[in-house]
């Protein structure tokens, strides 16, 4: 997407800008979608790209919305060692907005054994 930093600041709330453009993290258990389990679709709050279906959301008890899979070809993975540990950052492929991180091998009872730990502020939920 061809948006300037000023465009993003104008189009996003301060918290959305901090997380989506500045790679921040919202406080655990503070996001509006952590405990939402209605049927629908989760899209990128910055560009509207559909990212996750509600049937792939589960309660990982971690304080952030958790999904075991994303829609095909809509997220990008990047190694993130910024906190002194190796993590995999998840960004929106279309706008490069920071969504959160994905973790593997935690033993969750999901088809992929992955936990996409996503910031609520990075998402927009469209209820069916």
N, C-alpha and C. Protein backbone atom coordinates (compact mmCIF):
# COMPACT_ATOMS: atom_id res chain seq x y z
N UNK A 1 0.84 -1.19 0.00
CA UNK A 1 0.00 0.00 0.00
C UNK A 1 0.88 1.24 0.00
N UNK A 2 0.46 2.23 -0.72
CA UNK A 2 1.21 3.48 -0.81
C UNK A 2 0.62 4.53 0.13
N UNK A 3 0.87 4.36 1.42
CA UNK A 3 0.43 5.34 2.40
C UNK A 3 1.65 5.88 3.11
N UNK A 4 1.62 7.15 3.38
CA UNK A 4 2.71 7.75 4.14
C UNK A 4 2.47 7.53 5.63
N UNK A 5 3.49 7.79 6.41
CA UNK A 5 3.35 7.69 7.85
C UNK A 5 2.25 8.65 8.34
N UNK A 6 2.17 9.82 7.74
CA UNK A 6 1.13 10.78 8.08
C UNK A 6 -0.26 10.27 7.77
N UNK A 7 -0.39 9.56 6.64
CA UNK A 7 -1.69 8.95 6.29
C UNK A 7 -2.10 7.94 7.35
N UNK A 8 -1.15 7.08 7.76
CA UNK A 8 -1.47 6.08 8.78
C UNK A 8 -1.87 6.75 10.08
N UNK A 9 -1.15 7.79 10.48
CA UNK A 9 -1.50 8.49 11.72
C UNK A 9 -2.89 9.10 11.66
N UNK A 10 -3.28 9.55 10.48
CA UNK A 10 -4.60 10.14 10.30
C UNK A 10 -5.70 9.07 10.28
N UNK A 11 -5.42 7.93 9.69
CA UNK A 11 -6.43 6.89 9.49
C UNK A 11 -6.62 5.95 10.68
N UNK A 12 -5.62 5.86 11.55
CA UNK A 12 -5.67 4.93 12.68
C UNK A 12 -5.79 5.69 14.00
N UNK A 13 -6.34 5.02 15.02
CA UNK A 13 -6.31 5.60 16.35
C UNK A 13 -4.86 5.59 16.84
N UNK A 14 -4.59 6.31 17.90
CA UNK A 14 -3.22 6.33 18.45
C UNK A 14 -2.76 4.92 18.82
N UNK A 15 -3.64 4.13 19.45
CA UNK A 15 -3.29 2.77 19.86
C UNK A 15 -3.11 1.86 18.65
N UNK A 16 -3.97 1.98 17.66
CA UNK A 16 -3.80 1.19 16.44
C UNK A 16 -2.47 1.54 15.76
N UNK A 17 -2.15 2.79 15.71
CA UNK A 17 -0.89 3.22 15.09
C UNK A 17 0.31 2.64 15.86
N UNK A 18 0.25 2.72 17.18
CA UNK A 18 1.34 2.21 18.03
C UNK A 18 1.58 0.72 17.78
N UNK A 19 0.50 -0.04 17.65
CA UNK A 19 0.63 -1.49 17.47
C UNK A 19 0.88 -1.86 16.01
N UNK A 20 0.02 -1.40 15.11
CA UNK A 20 0.10 -1.80 13.70
C UNK A 20 1.33 -1.26 12.98
N UNK A 21 1.70 -0.02 13.23
CA UNK A 21 2.83 0.59 12.53
C UNK A 21 4.11 0.57 13.37
N UNK A 22 3.97 0.60 14.70
CA UNK A 22 5.13 0.63 15.58
C UNK A 22 5.50 -0.70 16.19
N UNK A 23 4.78 -1.76 15.80
CA UNK A 23 5.04 -3.12 16.28
C UNK A 23 4.89 -3.24 17.79
N UNK A 24 3.93 -2.51 18.34
CA UNK A 24 3.66 -2.58 19.76
C UNK A 24 2.77 -3.76 20.11
N UNK A 25 2.46 -3.87 21.40
CA UNK A 25 1.59 -4.93 21.90
C UNK A 25 0.63 -4.32 22.90
N UNK A 26 -0.64 -4.68 22.77
CA UNK A 26 -1.61 -4.21 23.77
C UNK A 26 -1.47 -5.06 25.03
N UNK A 27 -1.91 -4.53 26.14
CA UNK A 27 -1.82 -5.25 27.41
C UNK A 27 -2.68 -6.51 27.36
N UNK A 28 -2.23 -7.61 27.98
CA UNK A 28 -3.04 -8.83 27.98
C UNK A 28 -4.39 -8.60 28.65
N UNK A 29 -5.40 -9.28 28.13
CA UNK A 29 -6.78 -9.24 28.63
C UNK A 29 -7.42 -7.86 28.51
N UNK A 30 -6.83 -6.97 27.70
CA UNK A 30 -7.39 -5.62 27.55
C UNK A 30 -8.12 -5.43 26.22
N UNK A 31 -7.88 -6.31 25.25
CA UNK A 31 -8.46 -6.15 23.93
C UNK A 31 -9.91 -6.59 23.85
N UNK A 32 -10.65 -5.95 22.98
CA UNK A 32 -12.09 -6.22 22.89
C UNK A 32 -12.41 -7.59 22.31
N UNK A 33 -11.50 -8.25 21.61
CA UNK A 33 -11.83 -9.53 20.97
C UNK A 33 -11.28 -10.75 21.68
N UNK A 34 -10.61 -10.58 22.80
CA UNK A 34 -10.03 -11.72 23.51
C UNK A 34 -11.10 -12.76 23.86
N UNK A 35 -12.25 -12.33 24.32
CA UNK A 35 -13.28 -13.28 24.75
C UNK A 35 -14.51 -13.28 23.84
N UNK A 36 -14.35 -12.83 22.60
CA UNK A 36 -15.44 -12.87 21.62
C UNK A 36 -15.34 -14.16 20.83
N UNK A 37 -16.42 -14.94 20.81
CA UNK A 37 -16.43 -16.20 20.08
C UNK A 37 -17.64 -16.31 19.17
N UNK A 38 -18.15 -15.15 18.72
CA UNK A 38 -19.26 -15.13 17.78
C UNK A 38 -18.77 -15.57 16.40
N UNK A 39 -19.71 -15.98 15.56
CA UNK A 39 -19.37 -16.37 14.20
C UNK A 39 -19.13 -15.13 13.35
N UNK A 40 -18.06 -15.15 12.57
CA UNK A 40 -17.75 -14.02 11.71
C UNK A 40 -16.33 -14.08 11.19
N UNK A 41 -15.85 -12.94 10.72
CA UNK A 41 -14.53 -12.83 10.11
C UNK A 41 -13.75 -11.69 10.75
N UNK A 42 -12.48 -11.93 10.98
CA UNK A 42 -11.57 -10.92 11.52
C UNK A 42 -10.71 -10.38 10.38
N UNK A 43 -10.71 -9.07 10.23
CA UNK A 43 -9.95 -8.40 9.16
C UNK A 43 -8.90 -7.48 9.76
N UNK A 44 -7.95 -7.08 8.94
CA UNK A 44 -6.93 -6.12 9.35
C UNK A 44 -7.59 -4.77 9.60
N UNK A 45 -7.35 -4.19 10.76
CA UNK A 45 -7.94 -2.90 11.11
C UNK A 45 -7.38 -1.77 10.26
N UNK A 46 -6.22 -1.97 9.65
CA UNK A 46 -5.61 -0.92 8.84
C UNK A 46 -6.08 -0.92 7.40
N UNK A 47 -6.21 -2.10 6.79
CA UNK A 47 -6.51 -2.14 5.36
C UNK A 47 -7.76 -2.94 4.99
N UNK A 48 -8.33 -3.66 5.95
CA UNK A 48 -9.56 -4.41 5.68
C UNK A 48 -9.38 -5.80 5.11
N UNK A 49 -8.16 -6.26 4.91
CA UNK A 49 -7.93 -7.61 4.39
C UNK A 49 -8.46 -8.64 5.37
N UNK A 50 -9.25 -9.60 4.88
CA UNK A 50 -9.76 -10.68 5.73
C UNK A 50 -8.61 -11.59 6.12
N UNK A 51 -8.45 -11.82 7.43
CA UNK A 51 -7.30 -12.56 7.95
C UNK A 51 -7.66 -13.90 8.58
N UNK A 52 -8.69 -13.90 9.43
CA UNK A 52 -9.02 -15.09 10.21
C UNK A 52 -10.53 -15.33 10.22
N UNK A 53 -10.92 -16.60 10.18
CA UNK A 53 -12.31 -16.99 10.36
C UNK A 53 -12.54 -17.36 11.81
N UNK A 54 -13.73 -17.05 12.32
CA UNK A 54 -14.03 -17.29 13.73
C UNK A 54 -13.94 -18.76 14.12
N UNK A 55 -14.20 -19.68 13.18
CA UNK A 55 -14.14 -21.10 13.54
C UNK A 55 -12.70 -21.57 13.81
N UNK A 56 -11.72 -20.73 13.50
CA UNK A 56 -10.34 -21.08 13.80
C UNK A 56 -9.81 -20.32 15.02
N UNK A 57 -10.71 -19.68 15.74
CA UNK A 57 -10.36 -18.95 16.96
C UNK A 57 -10.62 -19.87 18.15
N UNK A 58 -9.76 -19.81 19.15
CA UNK A 58 -9.95 -20.62 20.35
C UNK A 58 -9.43 -19.86 21.57
N UNK A 59 -9.82 -20.33 22.73
CA UNK A 59 -9.42 -19.67 23.97
C UNK A 59 -8.14 -20.31 24.49
N UNK A 60 -7.03 -19.63 24.26
CA UNK A 60 -5.72 -20.12 24.71
C UNK A 60 -5.39 -19.61 26.11
N UNK A 61 -6.28 -18.81 26.70
CA UNK A 61 -6.09 -18.27 28.04
C UNK A 61 -4.79 -17.47 28.16
N UNK A 62 -4.44 -16.76 27.08
CA UNK A 62 -3.19 -16.00 27.09
C UNK A 62 -3.42 -14.49 27.16
N UNK A 63 -4.68 -14.04 27.01
CA UNK A 63 -4.96 -12.62 27.10
C UNK A 63 -5.10 -11.90 25.78
N UNK A 64 -4.89 -12.61 24.68
CA UNK A 64 -5.05 -12.04 23.35
C UNK A 64 -5.88 -13.00 22.51
N UNK A 65 -6.56 -12.50 21.49
CA UNK A 65 -7.28 -13.40 20.59
C UNK A 65 -6.29 -14.41 19.99
N UNK A 66 -6.69 -15.68 19.99
CA UNK A 66 -5.82 -16.74 19.49
C UNK A 66 -6.52 -17.51 18.38
N UNK A 67 -5.78 -17.79 17.35
CA UNK A 67 -6.28 -18.53 16.19
C UNK A 67 -5.29 -19.65 15.89
N UNK A 68 -5.78 -20.75 15.32
CA UNK A 68 -4.85 -21.82 14.97
C UNK A 68 -4.46 -21.81 13.50
N UNK A 69 -5.05 -20.90 12.70
CA UNK A 69 -4.67 -20.77 11.31
C UNK A 69 -5.21 -19.47 10.75
N UNK A 70 -4.54 -18.97 9.73
CA UNK A 70 -4.97 -17.74 9.03
C UNK A 70 -5.49 -18.13 7.65
N UNK A 71 -6.19 -17.19 7.03
CA UNK A 71 -6.62 -17.41 5.65
C UNK A 71 -5.36 -17.51 4.78
N UNK A 72 -5.51 -18.12 3.64
CA UNK A 72 -4.38 -18.40 2.75
C UNK A 72 -3.79 -17.11 2.16
N UNK A 73 -2.48 -16.99 2.25
CA UNK A 73 -1.69 -15.93 1.61
C UNK A 73 -2.01 -14.50 2.07
N UNK A 74 -2.47 -14.32 3.29
CA UNK A 74 -2.80 -12.97 3.76
C UNK A 74 -1.88 -12.47 4.88
N UNK A 75 -1.05 -13.36 5.42
CA UNK A 75 -0.11 -12.95 6.46
C UNK A 75 1.31 -13.31 6.06
N UNK A 76 2.25 -12.53 6.58
CA UNK A 76 3.67 -12.72 6.33
C UNK A 76 4.34 -13.02 7.66
N UNK A 77 5.34 -13.90 7.63
CA UNK A 77 6.05 -14.30 8.84
C UNK A 77 7.49 -13.78 8.78
N UNK A 78 7.95 -13.21 9.89
CA UNK A 78 9.30 -12.67 9.99
C UNK A 78 9.89 -13.04 11.33
N UNK A 79 11.15 -13.44 11.34
CA UNK A 79 11.82 -13.74 12.61
C UNK A 79 11.94 -12.44 13.40
N UNK A 80 11.56 -12.50 14.68
CA UNK A 80 11.59 -11.34 15.57
C UNK A 80 12.38 -11.72 16.82
N UNK A 81 13.58 -11.17 16.96
CA UNK A 81 14.38 -11.44 18.16
C UNK A 81 14.53 -10.18 19.02
N UNK A 82 13.55 -9.28 18.91
CA UNK A 82 13.63 -7.99 19.58
C UNK A 82 13.52 -8.05 21.10
N UNK A 83 12.96 -9.11 21.65
CA UNK A 83 12.79 -9.21 23.10
C UNK A 83 13.77 -10.20 23.72
N UNK A 84 14.85 -10.48 23.01
CA UNK A 84 15.85 -11.41 23.51
C UNK A 84 15.44 -12.86 23.37
N UNK A 85 14.42 -13.13 22.58
CA UNK A 85 13.99 -14.50 22.32
C UNK A 85 13.57 -14.60 20.86
N UNK A 86 13.65 -15.77 20.31
CA UNK A 86 13.25 -15.98 18.91
C UNK A 86 11.74 -16.17 18.85
N UNK A 87 11.07 -15.26 18.15
CA UNK A 87 9.63 -15.36 17.93
C UNK A 87 9.39 -15.17 16.44
N UNK A 88 8.17 -15.48 16.02
CA UNK A 88 7.80 -15.27 14.63
C UNK A 88 6.71 -14.20 14.58
N UNK A 89 7.06 -13.06 14.03
CA UNK A 89 6.10 -11.96 13.89
C UNK A 89 5.13 -12.27 12.75
N UNK A 90 3.87 -11.86 12.93
CA UNK A 90 2.84 -12.01 11.91
C UNK A 90 2.41 -10.60 11.49
N UNK A 91 2.52 -10.32 10.18
CA UNK A 91 2.09 -9.04 9.64
C UNK A 91 1.09 -9.26 8.52
N UNK A 92 0.29 -8.26 8.25
CA UNK A 92 -0.64 -8.29 7.13
C UNK A 92 0.17 -8.16 5.84
N UNK A 93 -0.04 -9.09 4.92
CA UNK A 93 0.72 -9.07 3.66
C UNK A 93 0.41 -7.83 2.83
N UNK A 94 -0.82 -7.34 2.88
CA UNK A 94 -1.21 -6.20 2.04
C UNK A 94 -0.63 -4.88 2.54
N UNK A 95 -0.72 -4.60 3.85
CA UNK A 95 -0.30 -3.29 4.35
C UNK A 95 0.91 -3.33 5.28
N UNK A 96 1.41 -4.53 5.59
CA UNK A 96 2.56 -4.72 6.47
C UNK A 96 2.27 -4.31 7.91
N UNK A 97 1.00 -4.27 8.28
CA UNK A 97 0.64 -3.95 9.66
C UNK A 97 0.99 -5.08 10.60
N UNK A 98 1.55 -4.74 11.76
CA UNK A 98 1.90 -5.73 12.78
C UNK A 98 0.62 -6.25 13.42
N UNK A 99 0.46 -7.58 13.40
CA UNK A 99 -0.72 -8.21 13.99
C UNK A 99 -0.41 -8.85 15.33
N UNK A 100 0.74 -9.47 15.43
CA UNK A 100 1.13 -10.18 16.65
C UNK A 100 2.22 -11.17 16.33
N UNK A 101 2.14 -12.36 16.95
CA UNK A 101 3.14 -13.40 16.75
C UNK A 101 2.45 -14.75 16.65
N UNK A 102 3.15 -15.71 16.07
CA UNK A 102 2.65 -17.08 16.02
C UNK A 102 3.64 -17.97 16.75
N UNK A 103 3.09 -18.90 17.56
CA UNK A 103 3.90 -19.81 18.35
C UNK A 103 3.51 -21.24 17.98
N UNK A 104 4.47 -22.14 18.03
CA UNK A 104 4.22 -23.54 17.69
C UNK A 104 4.70 -24.44 18.81
N UNK A 105 4.11 -25.64 18.85
CA UNK A 105 4.57 -26.66 19.79
C UNK A 105 4.23 -26.41 21.23
N UNK A 106 3.18 -25.67 21.49
CA UNK A 106 2.78 -25.40 22.88
C UNK A 106 1.84 -26.46 23.44
N UNK A 107 1.41 -27.39 22.58
CA UNK A 107 0.56 -28.47 23.04
C UNK A 107 -0.92 -28.16 23.07
N UNK A 108 -1.33 -27.10 22.39
CA UNK A 108 -2.77 -26.79 22.32
C UNK A 108 -3.47 -27.85 21.48
N UNK A 109 -4.69 -28.16 21.83
CA UNK A 109 -5.47 -29.16 21.09
C UNK A 109 -6.12 -28.52 19.88
N UNK A 110 -5.31 -28.19 18.90
CA UNK A 110 -5.79 -27.58 17.66
C UNK A 110 -5.24 -28.38 16.48
N UNK A 111 -5.85 -28.28 15.32
CA UNK A 111 -5.37 -29.04 14.16
C UNK A 111 -3.94 -28.71 13.73
N UNK A 112 -3.46 -27.51 14.03
CA UNK A 112 -2.12 -27.11 13.57
C UNK A 112 -1.08 -27.03 14.67
N UNK A 113 -1.48 -27.09 15.93
CA UNK A 113 -0.59 -26.88 17.07
C UNK A 113 0.10 -25.52 16.98
N UNK A 114 -0.60 -24.56 16.38
CA UNK A 114 -0.09 -23.19 16.32
C UNK A 114 -1.02 -22.28 17.11
N UNK A 115 -0.43 -21.21 17.63
CA UNK A 115 -1.22 -20.17 18.31
C UNK A 115 -0.83 -18.83 17.71
N UNK A 116 -1.72 -18.31 16.87
CA UNK A 116 -1.56 -16.95 16.37
C UNK A 116 -2.06 -16.05 17.49
N UNK A 117 -1.15 -15.38 18.16
CA UNK A 117 -1.46 -14.50 19.28
C UNK A 117 -1.55 -13.08 18.70
N UNK A 118 -2.78 -12.59 18.53
CA UNK A 118 -3.03 -11.39 17.74
C UNK A 118 -3.60 -10.27 18.60
N UNK A 119 -3.13 -9.06 18.40
CA UNK A 119 -3.63 -7.90 19.11
C UNK A 119 -5.04 -7.55 18.63
N UNK A 120 -5.98 -7.38 19.55
CA UNK A 120 -7.34 -7.00 19.18
C UNK A 120 -7.37 -5.71 18.39
N UNK A 121 -6.52 -4.77 18.77
CA UNK A 121 -6.52 -3.44 18.14
C UNK A 121 -6.08 -3.53 16.68
N UNK A 122 -5.44 -4.63 16.29
CA UNK A 122 -5.02 -4.84 14.91
C UNK A 122 -6.14 -5.41 14.05
N UNK A 123 -7.26 -5.74 14.70
CA UNK A 123 -8.35 -6.44 14.02
C UNK A 123 -9.63 -5.64 13.97
N UNK A 124 -10.47 -6.01 13.02
CA UNK A 124 -11.86 -5.55 12.95
C UNK A 124 -12.69 -6.80 12.77
N UNK A 125 -13.73 -6.95 13.59
CA UNK A 125 -14.56 -8.16 13.54
C UNK A 125 -15.87 -7.87 12.83
N UNK A 126 -16.19 -8.68 11.85
CA UNK A 126 -17.47 -8.59 11.15
C UNK A 126 -18.28 -9.82 11.53
N UNK A 127 -19.30 -9.60 12.34
CA UNK A 127 -20.17 -10.68 12.82
C UNK A 127 -21.10 -11.13 11.71
N UNK A 128 -21.29 -12.45 11.60
CA UNK A 128 -22.22 -12.99 10.61
C UNK A 128 -23.63 -12.87 11.10
